[in-house]
Amino acid sequence: MVWPFPPRFRKQIARIEVSGVIAGATRKHLLEALKTVEERKFPALLLRIDSPGGTVGDSQEIYSALKRLREKVKIVASFGNISASGGVYIGMGADHIVANPGTITGSIGVILRGNNLERLLDKVGVSFKVIKSGPYKDILAFDRDLTDAEQSILQELIDTSYQQFVQTVAEARQLSVETVRSFADGRIFTGQQALALGVVDRLGTEEDARRWAAELVGLDPDKTQCYTLEERKGLLSRVIPGRGQMSSDFATGLVASGLEWMEFELNMSGLPLWLYRP
């Protein structure tokens, strides 16, 4: 097959790195980068994923964009130090997946957290008066516990999101839903275990993934260059293992990372997440 690509880009492979927690800023950057890959008619894309996952909706939009791009561009995903939960989900948008033997992956599942400050508010003498249009309008309010009915509503929401995740993995990896469910219980596993489970195609480095991508489009791996579309680092990118940009003072760095995670959890309170937190 003759690839109709402009000379400037037809002998290059696009490279996009996904690092840190997947949320709105990451989604925006990736969608713009994927559009650039399509417009410049790169023959292949190397997608480097080093992420514990993130928000459900953002992960789904990135996955959908990858699926559309895959109709025109060969995509090989490379799982780095950690590619879990939503990181796995967006990896399903690639044609092939390569993982290091020791990559931390898996954590297929959904989590929703709320902040219950009822006891603290009681101690300081603070209470709230709520006027609402329906009994569930303030579900997951931080000043009270969930009712049994609210618990059931949220569990149904989580179960639906979980089924979407399982179905996507089953279709992408050509596995039965029952097979995926057997290991999609939130557990993490290594790249080597992922290969045995059928979640990834090969074990190898990012360089191995680059060479494979080149071969898929008939390019010489020894002569093919990567054109990296840079991502602006998000606030949480430095708390991912192996992606550290901590302060030179280790203790200060740990405190900063903890505060960033706290900020993230407060901002995402009440949202279903495809996220593994080490």
Protein backbone atom coordinates (compact mmCIF):
# COMPACT_ATOMS: atom_id res chain seq x y z
CA MET A 1 0.00 0.00 0.00
CA VAL A 2 1.24 3.49 -0.87
CA TRP A 3 0.72 5.89 2.02
CA PRO A 4 -0.47 9.32 0.76
CA PHE A 5 1.39 11.40 3.33
CA PRO A 6 3.13 14.74 2.81
CA PRO A 7 6.91 14.21 2.54
CA ARG A 8 7.61 16.15 5.73
CA PHE A 9 5.75 13.72 7.97
CA ARG A 10 5.41 10.44 6.11
CA LYS A 11 8.75 9.18 7.42
CA GLN A 12 8.07 10.24 10.98
CA ILE A 13 6.02 8.72 13.77
CA ALA A 14 3.99 11.00 15.99
CA ARG A 15 4.51 10.56 19.71
CA ILE A 16 2.13 11.67 22.46
CA GLU A 17 2.78 11.18 26.15
CA VAL A 18 -0.04 10.80 28.67
CA SER A 19 1.32 11.42 32.16
CA GLY A 20 -0.35 12.11 35.46
CA VAL A 21 -4.01 11.98 36.36
CA ILE A 22 -6.45 12.09 33.45
CA ALA A 23 -8.79 15.07 33.87
CA GLY A 24 -10.01 18.05 31.88
CA ALA A 25 -6.63 19.59 31.03
CA THR A 26 -5.20 16.27 29.89
CA ARG A 27 -8.26 15.56 27.76
CA LYS A 28 -8.06 18.96 26.09
CA HIS A 29 -4.39 18.56 25.25
CA LEU A 30 -4.79 15.02 23.94
CA LEU A 31 -7.76 15.82 21.74
CA GLU A 32 -5.81 18.73 20.21
CA ALA A 33 -2.73 16.55 19.75
CA LEU A 34 -4.70 13.74 18.11
CA LYS A 35 -6.28 16.26 15.73
CA THR A 36 -2.78 17.45 14.82
CA VAL A 37 -1.68 13.87 14.12
CA GLU A 38 -4.60 13.46 11.73
CA GLU A 39 -4.16 16.83 10.01
CA ARG A 40 -0.44 16.34 9.44
CA LYS A 41 -1.11 12.82 8.18
CA PHE A 42 1.42 10.97 10.26
CA PRO A 43 1.34 7.29 9.32
CA ALA A 44 1.64 6.05 12.91
CA LEU A 45 1.33 7.19 16.50
CA LEU A 46 3.33 6.07 19.52
CA LEU A 47 1.14 6.66 22.58
CA ARG A 48 3.18 6.59 25.78
CA ILE A 49 0.95 6.14 28.83
CA ASP A 50 2.22 6.73 32.36
CA SER A 51 -0.96 7.41 34.29
CA PRO A 52 -3.03 5.94 37.14
CA GLY A 53 -6.26 6.95 35.35
CA GLY A 54 -8.70 9.67 36.27
CA THR A 55 -12.19 10.84 35.47
CA VAL A 56 -14.56 8.58 33.56
CA GLY A 57 -15.90 11.06 31.02
CA ASP A 58 -12.48 12.42 30.09
CA SER A 59 -11.09 8.91 29.64
CA GLN A 60 -14.02 7.96 27.43
CA GLU A 61 -13.60 11.02 25.19
CA ILE A 62 -9.88 10.29 24.71
CA TYR A 63 -10.63 6.64 23.93
CA SER A 64 -13.29 7.61 21.38
CA ALA A 65 -10.89 10.03 19.67
CA LEU A 66 -8.23 7.31 19.48
CA LYS A 67 -10.71 4.90 17.92
CA ARG A 68 -11.60 7.44 15.23
CA LEU A 69 -7.95 8.20 14.54
CA ARG A 70 -7.18 4.49 14.30
CA GLU A 71 -9.15 4.37 11.05
CA LYS A 72 -6.39 6.45 9.43
CA VAL A 73 -3.32 5.99 11.64
CA LYS A 74 -1.67 2.95 13.17
CA ILE A 75 -1.47 3.37 16.95
CA VAL A 76 0.84 1.49 19.29
CA ALA A 77 0.51 2.18 23.02
CA SER A 78 3.47 1.84 25.36
CA PHE A 79 2.64 1.34 29.04
CA GLY A 80 5.28 2.97 31.26
CA ASN A 81 5.82 2.74 35.01
CA ILE A 82 2.11 2.77 35.70
CA SER A 83 -0.83 2.51 33.34
CA ALA A 84 -3.83 1.64 35.42
CA SER A 85 -7.60 2.07 35.43
CA GLY A 86 -8.36 4.99 33.07
CA GLY A 87 -4.85 4.60 31.70
CA VAL A 88 -5.78 1.07 30.65
CA TYR A 89 -9.05 2.35 29.19
CA ILE A 90 -7.45 4.84 26.83
CA GLY A 91 -4.88 2.19 25.89
CA MET A 92 -7.77 0.16 24.51
CA GLY A 93 -7.99 2.77 21.74
CA ALA A 94 -4.66 1.59 20.28
CA ASP A 95 -4.14 -1.13 17.68
CA HIS A 96 -1.49 -2.79 19.84
CA ILE A 97 -0.15 -2.45 23.38
CA VAL A 98 3.39 -2.97 24.67
CA ALA A 99 4.16 -3.04 28.41
CA ASN A 100 7.30 -3.40 30.45
CA PRO A 101 7.36 -6.65 32.44
CA GLY A 102 7.20 -4.64 35.66
CA THR A 103 4.63 -2.06 34.56
CA ILE A 104 1.88 -1.59 37.15
CA THR A 105 -1.39 -1.92 35.29
CA GLY A 106 -4.91 -3.25 35.81
CA SER A 107 -7.09 -1.65 38.51
CA ILE A 108 -10.04 -2.07 36.17
CA GLY A 109 -13.00 -0.71 38.05
CA VAL A 110 -14.78 2.39 39.30
CA ILE A 111 -14.60 4.32 42.54
CA LEU A 112 -16.71 7.18 43.84
CA ARG A 113 -15.77 8.99 47.01
CA GLY A 114 -17.65 11.55 49.05
CA ASN A 115 -16.48 13.64 51.99
CA ASN A 116 -18.55 13.17 55.14
CA LEU A 117 -17.70 15.97 57.60
CA GLU A 118 -20.79 15.49 59.78
CA ARG A 119 -18.92 14.68 63.00
CA LEU A 120 -16.49 17.57 62.53
CA LEU A 121 -19.32 20.02 61.86
CA ASP A 122 -21.15 18.82 64.97
CA LYS A 123 -18.07 19.51 67.10
CA VAL A 124 -17.75 23.07 65.87
CA GLY A 125 -21.50 23.68 66.02
CA VAL A 126 -22.16 24.16 62.32
CA SER A 127 -25.29 22.89 60.59
CA PHE A 128 -26.99 23.51 57.25
CA LYS A 129 -30.59 24.08 56.23
CA VAL A 130 -31.33 22.58 52.83
CA ILE A 131 -34.30 23.31 50.56
CA LYS A 132 -34.38 20.86 47.64
CA SER A 133 -36.69 19.89 44.82
CA GLY A 134 -36.36 16.16 45.38
CA PRO A 135 -35.09 13.71 48.00
CA TYR A 136 -31.86 12.97 46.12
CA LYS A 137 -30.89 16.47 44.99
CA ASP A 138 -28.16 16.73 47.65
CA ILE A 139 -26.92 13.16 47.34
CA LEU A 140 -23.36 12.87 48.73
CA ALA A 141 -23.76 16.08 50.72
CA PHE A 142 -20.71 16.46 52.95
CA ASP A 143 -22.71 17.25 56.12
CA ARG A 144 -24.54 13.93 56.46
CA ASP A 145 -24.25 10.24 55.79
CA LEU A 146 -25.87 8.46 52.85
CA THR A 147 -29.30 6.92 53.20
CA ASP A 148 -29.88 3.33 52.12
CA ALA A 149 -31.79 4.53 49.06
CA GLU A 150 -28.95 6.87 48.08
CA GLN A 151 -26.47 4.06 48.53
CA SER A 152 -28.46 1.94 46.07
CA ILE A 153 -28.66 4.75 43.51
CA LEU A 154 -24.92 5.34 43.59
CA GLN A 155 -24.13 1.63 43.45
CA GLU A 156 -26.24 1.33 40.30
CA LEU A 157 -24.35 4.26 38.79
CA ILE A 158 -21.02 2.62 39.62
CA ASP A 159 -22.17 -0.74 38.25
CA THR A 160 -23.19 0.86 34.95
CA SER A 161 -19.83 2.62 34.60
CA TYR A 162 -18.04 -0.61 35.48
CA GLN A 163 -19.95 -2.50 32.80
CA GLN A 164 -18.90 0.10 30.22
CA PHE A 165 -15.27 -0.41 31.23
CA VAL A 166 -15.47 -4.20 31.08
CA GLN A 167 -17.26 -4.16 27.73
CA THR A 168 -14.64 -1.88 26.20
CA VAL A 169 -11.76 -4.08 27.37
CA ALA A 170 -13.54 -7.21 26.15
CA GLU A 171 -14.14 -5.77 22.68
CA ALA A 172 -10.70 -4.21 22.31
CA ARG A 173 -8.82 -7.29 23.46
CA GLN A 174 -11.19 -9.82 21.85
CA LEU A 175 -11.96 -11.43 25.18
CA SER A 176 -15.27 -12.57 26.60
CA VAL A 177 -16.96 -10.32 29.15
CA GLU A 178 -16.78 -13.18 31.65
CA THR A 179 -13.02 -13.46 31.15
CA VAL A 180 -12.51 -9.75 31.72
CA ARG A 181 -14.70 -9.80 34.81
CA SER A 182 -12.50 -12.54 36.27
CA PHE A 183 -9.62 -10.06 36.68
CA ALA A 184 -11.49 -6.73 36.57
CA ASP A 185 -12.09 -6.56 40.31
CA GLY A 186 -9.88 -3.56 40.99
CA ARG A 187 -6.69 -5.57 41.44
CA ILE A 188 -3.42 -4.35 39.97
CA PHE A 189 -1.02 -6.61 38.10
CA THR A 190 2.30 -6.42 36.30
CA GLY A 191 2.89 -6.09 32.60
CA GLN A 192 3.97 -9.73 32.54
CA GLN A 193 0.69 -10.78 34.16
CA ALA A 194 -1.21 -8.49 31.77
CA LEU A 195 0.34 -10.34 28.84
CA ALA A 196 -0.85 -13.66 30.23
CA LEU A 197 -4.33 -12.22 30.75
CA GLY A 198 -4.48 -10.86 27.20
CA VAL A 199 -4.58 -7.20 28.21
CA VAL A 200 -1.38 -6.35 26.30
CA ASP A 201 0.21 -7.80 23.16
CA ARG A 202 3.92 -7.79 23.92
CA LEU A 203 6.46 -7.10 26.62
CA GLY A 204 9.02 -4.46 25.80
CA THR A 205 10.24 -0.92 26.15
CA GLU A 206 9.01 2.29 24.58
CA GLU A 207 11.74 1.83 22.00
CA ASP A 208 10.32 -1.58 21.12
CA ALA A 209 6.90 0.01 20.71
CA ARG A 210 8.38 2.70 18.44
CA ARG A 211 10.04 0.14 16.22
CA TRP A 212 6.82 -1.88 16.00
CA ALA A 213 4.86 1.22 14.99
CA ALA A 214 7.37 1.95 12.24
CA GLU A 215 7.22 -1.61 10.93
CA LEU A 216 3.42 -1.52 10.82
CA VAL A 217 3.50 1.28 8.25
CA GLY A 218 6.43 -0.01 6.24
CA LEU A 219 9.08 2.35 7.63
CA ASP A 220 12.64 1.43 8.56
CA PRO A 221 12.77 1.38 12.38
CA ASP A 222 16.45 2.34 12.33
CA LYS A 223 15.80 5.49 10.32
CA THR A 224 12.37 6.56 11.54
CA GLN A 225 12.17 9.50 13.91
CA CYS A 226 9.51 10.39 16.48
CA TYR A 227 7.85 13.80 16.41
CA THR A 228 6.68 14.44 19.97
CA LEU A 229 3.64 16.60 20.55
CA GLU A 230 4.44 17.99 23.97
CA GLU A 231 1.95 17.98 26.81
CA ARG A 232 1.86 20.77 29.32
CA LYS A 233 2.36 19.04 32.65
CA GLY A 234 -0.61 19.04 34.96
CA LEU A 235 -0.49 19.78 38.67
CA LEU A 236 -0.60 16.10 39.60
CA SER A 237 1.84 14.72 37.04
CA ARG A 238 4.67 14.79 39.53
CA VAL A 239 2.99 12.52 42.06
CA ILE A 240 2.99 9.52 39.74
CA PRO A 241 5.72 6.97 40.53
CA GLY A 242 8.66 7.39 38.20
CA ARG A 243 7.50 10.80 36.99
CA GLY A 244 8.82 12.66 40.00
CA GLN A 245 9.55 16.37 39.97
CA MET A 246 9.55 16.70 43.74
CA SER A 247 11.39 19.33 45.70
CA SER A 248 15.01 18.53 46.45
CA ASP A 249 13.89 18.26 50.04
CA PHE A 250 12.20 14.87 50.07
CA ALA A 251 9.95 15.54 53.07
CA THR A 252 8.76 18.81 51.55
CA GLY A 253 8.06 17.00 48.31
CA LEU A 254 5.98 14.37 50.06
CA VAL A 255 3.91 17.02 51.82
CA ALA A 256 3.36 18.88 48.55
CA SER A 257 2.29 15.68 46.83
CA GLY A 258 -0.11 14.88 49.64
CA LEU A 259 -1.67 18.32 49.42
CA GLU A 260 -2.07 17.98 45.66
CA TRP A 261 -3.84 14.64 46.07
CA MET A 262 -6.09 16.19 48.71
CA GLU A 263 -6.96 19.02 46.34
CA PHE A 264 -7.72 16.53 43.59
CA GLU A 265 -9.98 14.43 45.81
CA LEU A 266 -11.85 17.49 47.02
CA ASN A 267 -12.37 18.71 43.45
CA MET A 268 -13.45 15.26 42.25
CA SER A 269 -15.65 14.43 45.24
CA GLY A 270 -18.86 12.84 44.02
CA LEU A 271 -17.49 11.96 40.57
CA PRO A 272 -17.06 8.35 39.41
CA LEU A 273 -13.37 7.75 38.77
CA TRP A 274 -11.40 5.19 36.83
CA LEU A 275 -8.39 5.75 39.05
CA TYR A 276 -5.77 3.74 40.90
CA ARG A 277 -4.11 5.61 43.71
CA PRO A 278 -0.80 3.99 44.81
